Amino acid sequence: MNEIKNIRHPEKVNKPDKISPSKPPWLKVKAPLGDLFLKTKGLLDDLNITTVCEEAACPNIGSCWEKKTRNNDDYG
């Protein structure tokens, strides 16, 4: 009975915790931390602008913003 209480969901009793294998190293992207990226992020935050890159959690956001490019949607 105590074992069942420790499980988040009863359906997980007979299922493995990790269903899919971990991603290979070549597929993982490092977090963007360059100076130009941080300046661009700060500027967009100050202007209250949200970019498509941020909304989509684009893995290439660091390389684009380091080149001073960005995409945003204008709704109006």
PDB file of N, CA and C in Angstrom:
ATOM      1  N   MET A   1       0.824  -1.198   0.000  1.00  0.00           N
ATOM      2  CA  MET A   1       0.000   0.000   0.000  1.00  0.00           C
ATOM      3  C   MET A   1       0.867   1.259   0.000  1.00  0.00           C
ATOM      4  N   ASN A   2       1.941   1.299   0.787  1.00  0.00           N
ATOM      5  CA  ASN A   2       2.818   2.462   0.841  1.00  0.00           C
ATOM      6  C   ASN A   2       3.520   2.680  -0.489  1.00  0.00           C
ATOM      7  N   GLU A   3       3.832   1.595  -1.198  1.00  0.00           N
ATOM      8  CA  GLU A   3       4.492   1.723  -2.499  1.00  0.00           C
ATOM      9  C   GLU A   3       3.596   2.432  -3.492  1.00  0.00           C
ATOM     10  N   ILE A   4       2.317   2.134  -3.466  1.00  0.00           N
ATOM     11  CA  ILE A   4       1.380   2.757  -4.405  1.00  0.00           C
ATOM     12  C   ILE A   4       1.243   4.249  -4.103  1.00  0.00           C
ATOM     13  N   LYS A   5       1.291   4.644  -2.852  1.00  0.00           N
ATOM     14  CA  LYS A   5       1.176   6.057  -2.490  1.00  0.00           C
ATOM     15  C   LYS A   5       2.357   6.875  -3.006  1.00  0.00           C
ATOM     16  N   ASN A   6       3.527   6.264  -3.134  1.00  0.00           N
ATOM     17  CA  ASN A   6       4.716   6.975  -3.585  1.00  0.00           C
ATOM     18  C   ASN A   6       4.718   7.220  -5.090  1.00  0.00           C
ATOM     19  N   ILE A   7       3.852   6.569  -5.826  1.00  0.00           N
ATOM     20  CA  ILE A   7       3.793   6.733  -7.277  1.00  0.00           C
ATOM     21  C   ILE A   7       2.835   7.876  -7.597  1.00  0.00           C
ATOM     22  N   ARG A   8       3.249   8.744  -8.517  1.00  0.00           N
ATOM     23  CA  ARG A   8       2.421   9.898  -8.870  1.00  0.00           C
ATOM     24  C   ARG A   8       1.058   9.499  -9.408  1.00  0.00           C
ATOM     25  N   HIS A   9       1.052   8.549 -10.311  1.00  0.00           N
ATOM     26  CA  HIS A   9      -0.173   8.187 -11.006  1.00  0.00           C
ATOM     27  C   HIS A   9      -0.278   6.672 -11.056  1.00  0.00           C
ATOM     28  N   PRO A  10      -1.444   6.115 -10.759  1.00  0.00           N
ATOM     29  CA  PRO A  10      -1.575   4.661 -10.727  1.00  0.00           C
ATOM     30  C   PRO A  10      -1.223   3.975 -12.049  1.00  0.00           C
ATOM     31  N   GLU A  11      -1.430   4.636 -13.157  1.00  0.00           N
ATOM     32  CA  GLU A  11      -1.129   4.025 -14.445  1.00  0.00           C
ATOM     33  C   GLU A  11       0.373   3.872 -14.677  1.00  0.00           C
ATOM     34  N   LYS A  12       1.200   4.545 -13.885  1.00  0.00           N
ATOM     35  CA  LYS A  12       2.655   4.454 -14.043  1.00  0.00           C
ATOM     36  C   LYS A  12       3.253   3.235 -13.347  1.00  0.00           C
ATOM     37  N   VAL A  13       2.449   2.478 -12.657  1.00  0.00           N
ATOM     38  CA  VAL A  13       2.951   1.343 -11.880  1.00  0.00           C
ATOM     39  C   VAL A  13       3.723   0.368 -12.768  1.00  0.00           C
ATOM     40  N   ASN A  14       3.182   0.017 -13.920  1.00  0.00           N
ATOM     41  CA  ASN A  14       3.792  -0.986 -14.787  1.00  0.00           C
ATOM     42  C   ASN A  14       4.529  -0.389 -15.983  1.00  0.00           C
ATOM     43  N   LYS A  15       4.736   0.904 -16.005  1.00  0.00           N
ATOM     44  CA  LYS A  15       5.432   1.551 -17.123  1.00  0.00           C
ATOM     45  C   LYS A  15       6.794   2.055 -16.665  1.00  0.00           C
ATOM     46  N   PRO A  16       7.774   2.012 -17.548  1.00  0.00           N
ATOM     47  CA  PRO A  16       9.092   2.544 -17.168  1.00  0.00           C
ATOM     48  C   PRO A  16       9.050   4.064 -17.020  1.00  0.00           C
ATOM     49  N   ASP A  17       9.931   4.598 -16.179  1.00  0.00           N
ATOM     50  CA  ASP A  17       9.982   6.048 -15.982  1.00  0.00           C
ATOM     51  C   ASP A  17      10.474   6.764 -17.226  1.00  0.00           C
ATOM     52  N   LYS A  18      11.398   6.160 -17.918  1.00  0.00           N
ATOM     53  CA  LYS A  18      11.996   6.786 -19.094  1.00  0.00           C
ATOM     54  C   LYS A  18      11.606   5.989 -20.336  1.00  0.00           C
ATOM     55  N   ILE A  19      10.646   6.514 -21.094  1.00  0.00           N
ATOM     56  CA  ILE A  19      10.130   5.801 -22.254  1.00  0.00           C
ATOM     57  C   ILE A  19      11.038   5.985 -23.466  1.00  0.00           C
ATOM     58  N   SER A  20      11.498   7.195 -23.718  1.00  0.00           N
ATOM     59  CA  SER A  20      12.332   7.446 -24.891  1.00  0.00           C
ATOM     60  C   SER A  20      13.798   7.597 -24.483  1.00  0.00           C
ATOM     61  N   PRO A  21      14.702   7.211 -25.363  1.00  0.00           N
ATOM     62  CA  PRO A  21      16.125   7.349 -25.041  1.00  0.00           C
ATOM     63  C   PRO A  21      16.542   8.825 -25.026  1.00  0.00           C
ATOM     64  N   SER A  22      17.633   9.124 -24.358  1.00  0.00           N
ATOM     65  CA  SER A  22      18.100  10.509 -24.310  1.00  0.00           C
ATOM     66  C   SER A  22      18.647  10.935 -25.671  1.00  0.00           C
ATOM     67  N   LYS A  23      18.675  12.237 -25.905  1.00  0.00           N
ATOM     68  CA  LYS A  23      19.132  12.776 -27.191  1.00  0.00           C
ATOM     69  C   LYS A  23      20.649  12.630 -27.315  1.00  0.00           C
ATOM     70  N   PRO A  24      21.123  12.401 -28.540  1.00  0.00           N
ATOM     71  CA  PRO A  24      22.573  12.311 -28.730  1.00  0.00           C
ATOM     72  C   PRO A  24      23.218  13.693 -28.562  1.00  0.00           C
ATOM     73  N   PRO A  25      24.495  13.739 -28.210  1.00  0.00           N
ATOM     74  CA  PRO A  25      25.170  15.030 -27.962  1.00  0.00           C
ATOM     75  C   PRO A  25      25.136  15.982 -29.154  1.00  0.00           C
ATOM     76  N   TRP A  26      25.191  15.459 -30.380  1.00  0.00           N
ATOM     77  CA  TRP A  26      25.203  16.333 -31.556  1.00  0.00           C
ATOM     78  C   TRP A  26      23.862  17.013 -31.774  1.00  0.00           C
ATOM     79  N   LEU A  27      22.802  16.527 -31.133  1.00  0.00           N
ATOM     80  CA  LEU A  27      21.484  17.125 -31.294  1.00  0.00           C
ATOM     81  C   LEU A  27      21.197  18.184 -30.235  1.00  0.00           C
ATOM     82  N   LYS A  28      21.953  18.163 -29.164  1.00  0.00           N
ATOM     83  CA  LYS A  28      21.740  19.120 -28.082  1.00  0.00           C
ATOM     84  C   LYS A  28      22.374  20.459 -28.438  1.00  0.00           C
ATOM     85  N   VAL A  29      21.699  21.533 -28.075  1.00  0.00           N
ATOM     86  CA  VAL A  29      22.163  22.880 -28.379  1.00  0.00           C
ATOM     87  C   VAL A  29      22.521  23.577 -27.069  1.00  0.00           C
ATOM     88  N   LYS A  30      23.670  24.242 -27.054  1.00  0.00           N
ATOM     89  CA  LYS A  30      24.079  24.977 -25.861  1.00  0.00           C
ATOM     90  C   LYS A  30      23.227  26.232 -25.707  1.00  0.00           C
ATOM     91  N   ALA A  31      23.000  26.617 -24.485  1.00  0.00           N
ATOM     92  CA  ALA A  31      22.228  27.821 -24.206  1.00  0.00           C
ATOM     93  C   ALA A  31      22.993  29.050 -24.679  1.00  0.00           C
ATOM     94  N   PRO A  32      22.299  30.001 -25.327  1.00  0.00           N
ATOM     95  CA  PRO A  32      22.976  31.209 -25.800  1.00  0.00           C
ATOM     96  C   PRO A  32      23.326  32.134 -24.638  1.00  0.00           C
ATOM     97  N   LEU A  33      24.592  32.518 -24.567  1.00  0.00           N
ATOM     98  CA  LEU A  33      25.026  33.382 -23.472  1.00  0.00           C
ATOM     99  C   LEU A  33      25.987  34.470 -23.935  1.00  0.00           C
ATOM    100  N   GLY A  34      26.091  34.722 -25.228  1.00  0.00           N
ATOM    101  CA  GLY A  34      26.994  35.747 -25.723  1.00  0.00           C
ATOM    102  C   GLY A  34      26.555  37.143 -25.330  1.00  0.00           C
ATOM    103  N   ASP A  35      27.494  38.079 -25.322  1.00  0.00           N
ATOM    104  CA  ASP A  35      27.190  39.463 -24.946  1.00  0.00           C
ATOM    105  C   ASP A  35      26.135  40.087 -25.846  1.00  0.00           C
ATOM    106  N   LEU A  36      26.280  39.877 -27.144  1.00  0.00           N
ATOM    107  CA  LEU A  36      25.325  40.466 -28.086  1.00  0.00           C
ATOM    108  C   LEU A  36      23.933  39.867 -27.904  1.00  0.00           C
ATOM    109  N   PHE A  37      23.878  38.563 -27.622  1.00  0.00           N
ATOM    110  CA  PHE A  37      22.587  37.917 -27.356  1.00  0.00           C
ATOM    111  C   PHE A  37      21.926  38.544 -26.134  1.00  0.00           C
ATOM    112  N   LEU A  38      22.699  38.704 -25.065  1.00  0.00           N
ATOM    113  CA  LEU A  38      22.141  39.260 -23.834  1.00  0.00           C
ATOM    114  C   LEU A  38      21.702  40.714 -24.014  1.00  0.00           C
ATOM    115  N   LYS A  39      22.447  41.488 -24.808  1.00  0.00           N
ATOM    116  CA  LYS A  39      22.054  42.880 -25.085  1.00  0.00           C
ATOM    117  C   LYS A  39      20.753  42.915 -25.876  1.00  0.00           C
ATOM    118  N   THR A  40      20.648  42.042 -26.885  1.00  0.00           N
ATOM    119  CA  THR A  40      19.428  41.988 -27.700  1.00  0.00           C
ATOM    120  C   THR A  40      18.246  41.576 -26.841  1.00  0.00           C
ATOM    121  N   LYS A  41      18.432  40.568 -26.005  1.00  0.00           N
ATOM    122  CA  LYS A  41      17.369  40.102 -25.120  1.00  0.00           C
ATOM    123  C   LYS A  41      16.933  41.218 -24.181  1.00  0.00           C
ATOM    124  N   GLY A  42      17.896  41.929 -23.612  1.00  0.00           N
ATOM    125  CA  GLY A  42      17.578  43.033 -22.714  1.00  0.00           C
ATOM    126  C   GLY A  42      16.804  44.140 -23.412  1.00  0.00           C
ATOM    127  N   LEU A  43      17.225  44.486 -24.625  1.00  0.00           N
ATOM    128  CA  LEU A  43      16.547  45.526 -25.392  1.00  0.00           C
ATOM    129  C   LEU A  43      15.101  45.126 -25.691  1.00  0.00           C
ATOM    130  N   LEU A  44      14.908  43.888 -26.156  1.00  0.00           N
ATOM    131  CA  LEU A  44      13.557  43.429 -26.476  1.00  0.00           C
ATOM    132  C   LEU A  44      12.687  43.352 -25.228  1.00  0.00           C
ATOM    133  N   ASP A  45      13.265  42.946 -24.107  1.00  0.00           N
ATOM    134  CA  ASP A  45      12.518  42.913 -22.850  1.00  0.00           C
ATOM    135  C   ASP A  45      12.121  44.319 -22.414  1.00  0.00           C
ATOM    136  N   ASP A  46      13.049  45.288 -22.544  1.00  0.00           N
ATOM    137  CA  ASP A  46      12.745  46.676 -22.174  1.00  0.00           C
ATOM    138  C   ASP A  46      11.621  47.252 -23.027  1.00  0.00           C
ATOM    139  N   LEU A  47      11.604  46.868 -24.307  1.00  0.00           N
ATOM    140  CA  LEU A  47      10.574  47.365 -25.226  1.00  0.00           C
ATOM    141  C   LEU A  47       9.310  46.512 -25.199  1.00  0.00           C
ATOM    142  N   ASN A  48       9.301  45.487 -24.355  1.00  0.00           N
ATOM    143  CA  ASN A  48       8.161  44.578 -24.227  1.00  0.00           C
ATOM    144  C   ASN A  48       7.798  43.922 -25.564  1.00  0.00           C
ATOM    145  N   ILE A  49       8.816  43.479 -26.290  1.00  0.00           N
ATOM    146  CA  ILE A  49       8.634  42.802 -27.572  1.00  0.00           C
ATOM    147  C   ILE A  49       8.937  41.324 -27.391  1.00  0.00           C
ATOM    148  N   THR A  50       8.006  40.491 -27.853  1.00  0.00           N
ATOM    149  CA  THR A  50       8.211  39.047 -27.818  1.00  0.00           C
ATOM    150  C   THR A  50       8.433  38.578 -29.246  1.00  0.00           C
ATOM    151  N   THR A  51       9.467  37.814 -29.462  1.00  0.00           N
ATOM    152  CA  THR A  51       9.784  37.352 -30.810  1.00  0.00           C
ATOM    153  C   THR A  51       9.228  35.959 -31.062  1.00  0.00           C
ATOM    154  N   VAL A  52       9.118  35.627 -32.340  1.00  0.00           N
ATOM    155  CA  VAL A  52       8.709  34.294 -32.747  1.00  0.00           C
ATOM    156  C   VAL A  52       9.720  33.279 -32.216  1.00  0.00           C
ATOM    157  N   CYS A  53      10.976  33.663 -32.237  1.00  0.00           N
ATOM    158  CA  CYS A  53      12.051  32.768 -31.761  1.00  0.00           C
ATOM    159  C   CYS A  53      11.811  32.358 -30.315  1.00  0.00           C
ATOM    160  N   GLU A  54      11.442  33.315 -29.479  1.00  0.00           N
ATOM    161  CA  GLU A  54      11.206  33.020 -28.068  1.00  0.00           C
ATOM    162  C   GLU A  54       9.966  32.150 -27.887  1.00  0.00           C
ATOM    163  N   GLU A  55       8.891  32.505 -28.578  1.00  0.00           N
ATOM    164  CA  GLU A  55       7.642  31.764 -28.442  1.00  0.00           C
ATOM    165  C   GLU A  55       7.792  30.316 -28.892  1.00  0.00           C
ATOM    166  N   ALA A  56       8.577  30.097 -29.936  1.00  0.00           N
ATOM    167  CA  ALA A  56       8.755  28.748 -30.469  1.00  0.00           C
ATOM    168  C   ALA A  56       9.897  28.004 -29.793  1.00  0.00           C
ATOM    169  N   ALA A  57      10.576  28.664 -28.860  1.00  0.00           N
ATOM    170  CA  ALA A  57      11.748  28.067 -28.202  1.00  0.00           C
ATOM    171  C   ALA A  57      12.732  27.542 -29.245  1.00  0.00           C
ATOM    172  N   CYS A  58      13.034  28.381 -30.216  1.00  0.00           N
ATOM    173  CA  CYS A  58      13.919  28.003 -31.311  1.00  0.00           C
ATOM    174  C   CYS A  58      15.327  27.689 -30.792  1.00  0.00           C
ATOM    175  N   PRO A  59      15.878  26.552 -31.186  1.00  0.00           N
ATOM    176  CA  PRO A  59      17.221  26.213 -30.721  1.00  0.00           C
ATOM    177  C   PRO A  59      18.316  27.069 -31.353  1.00  0.00           C
ATOM    178  N   ASN A  60      17.993  27.801 -32.421  1.00  0.00           N
ATOM    179  CA  ASN A  60      18.981  28.636 -33.106  1.00  0.00           C
ATOM    180  C   ASN A  60      18.927  30.095 -32.681  1.00  0.00           C
ATOM    181  N   ILE A  61      18.200  30.401 -31.642  1.00  0.00           N
ATOM    182  CA  ILE A  61      18.011  31.791 -31.228  1.00  0.00           C
ATOM    183  C   ILE A  61      19.346  32.481 -30.939  1.00  0.00           C
ATOM    184  N   GLY A  62      20.273  31.779 -30.361  1.00  0.00           N
ATOM    185  CA  GLY A  62      21.573  32.374 -30.023  1.00  0.00           C
ATOM    186  C   GLY A  62      22.350  32.776 -31.253  1.00  0.00           C
ATOM    187  N   SER A  63      22.393  31.908 -32.250  1.00  0.00           N
ATOM    188  CA  SER A  63      23.155  32.228 -33.458  1.00  0.00           C
ATOM    189  C   SER A  63      22.494  33.348 -34.251  1.00  0.00           C
ATOM    190  N   CYS A  64      21.176  33.399 -34.284  1.00  0.00           N
ATOM    191  CA  CYS A  64      20.482  34.486 -34.998  1.00  0.00           C
ATOM    192  C   CYS A  64      20.688  35.826 -34.296  1.00  0.00           C
ATOM    193  N   TRP A  65      20.492  35.841 -32.998  1.00  0.00           N
ATOM    194  CA  TRP A  65      20.584  37.094 -32.259  1.00  0.00           C
ATOM    195  C   TRP A  65      22.014  37.594 -32.185  1.00  0.00           C
ATOM    196  N   GLU A  66      22.987  36.704 -32.276  1.00  0.00           N
ATOM    197  CA  GLU A  66      24.387  37.138 -32.334  1.00  0.00           C
ATOM    198  C   GLU A  66      24.662  37.871 -33.645  1.00  0.00           C
ATOM    199  N   LYS A  67      23.868  37.590 -34.679  1.00  0.00           N
ATOM    200  CA  LYS A  67      24.011  38.264 -35.978  1.00  0.00           C
ATOM    201  C   LYS A  67      23.064  39.450 -36.095  1.00  0.00           C
ATOM    202  N   LYS A  68      22.400  39.796 -34.976  1.00  0.00           N
ATOM    203  CA  LYS A  68      21.453  40.918 -34.916  1.00  0.00           C
ATOM    204  C   LYS A  68      20.241  40.705 -35.821  1.00  0.00           C
ATOM    205  N   THR A  69      19.780  39.474 -35.925  1.00  0.00           N
ATOM    206  CA  THR A  69      18.547  39.208 -36.654  1.00  0.00           C
ATOM    207  C   THR A  69      17.531  38.643 -35.679  1.00  0.00           C
ATOM    208  N   ARG A  70      16.264  38.884 -35.972  1.00  0.00           N
ATOM    209  CA  ARG A  70      15.189  38.353 -35.140  1.00  0.00           C
ATOM    210  C   ARG A  70      13.911  38.349 -35.965  1.00  0.00           C
ATOM    211  N   ASN A  71      12.914  37.615 -35.501  1.00  0.00           N
ATOM    212  CA  ASN A  71      11.601  37.583 -36.141  1.00  0.00           C
ATOM    213  C   ASN A  71      10.559  37.898 -35.095  1.00  0.00           C
ATOM    214  N   ASN A  72       9.625  38.754 -35.446  1.00  0.00           N
ATOM    215  CA  ASN A  72       8.531  39.015 -34.536  1.00  0.00           C
ATOM    216  C   ASN A  72       7.242  39.197 -35.329  1.00  0.00           C
ATOM    217  N   ASP A  73       6.130  38.915 -34.678  1.00  0.00           N
ATOM    218  CA  ASP A  73       4.809  39.096 -35.281  1.00  0.00           C
ATOM    219  C   ASP A  73       4.238  40.410 -34.794  1.00  0.00           C
ATOM    220  N   ASP A  74       3.674  41.155 -35.702  1.00  0.00           N
ATOM    221  CA  ASP A  74       2.997  42.401 -35.336  1.00  0.00           C
ATOM    222  C   ASP A  74       1.498  42.189 -35.463  1.00  0.00           C
ATOM    223  N   TYR A  75       0.807  42.272 -34.362  1.00  0.00           N
ATOM    224  CA  TYR A  75      -0.643  42.136 -34.374  1.00  0.00           C
ATOM    225  C   TYR A  75      -1.246  43.513 -34.142  1.00  0.00           C
ATOM    226  N   GLY A  76      -2.207  43.853 -34.926  1.00  0.00           N
ATOM    227  CA  GLY A  76      -2.706  45.170 -34.689  1.00  0.00           C
ATOM    228  C   GLY A  76      -4.003  45.430 -35.279  1.00  0.00           C
TER     229      GLY A  76
END
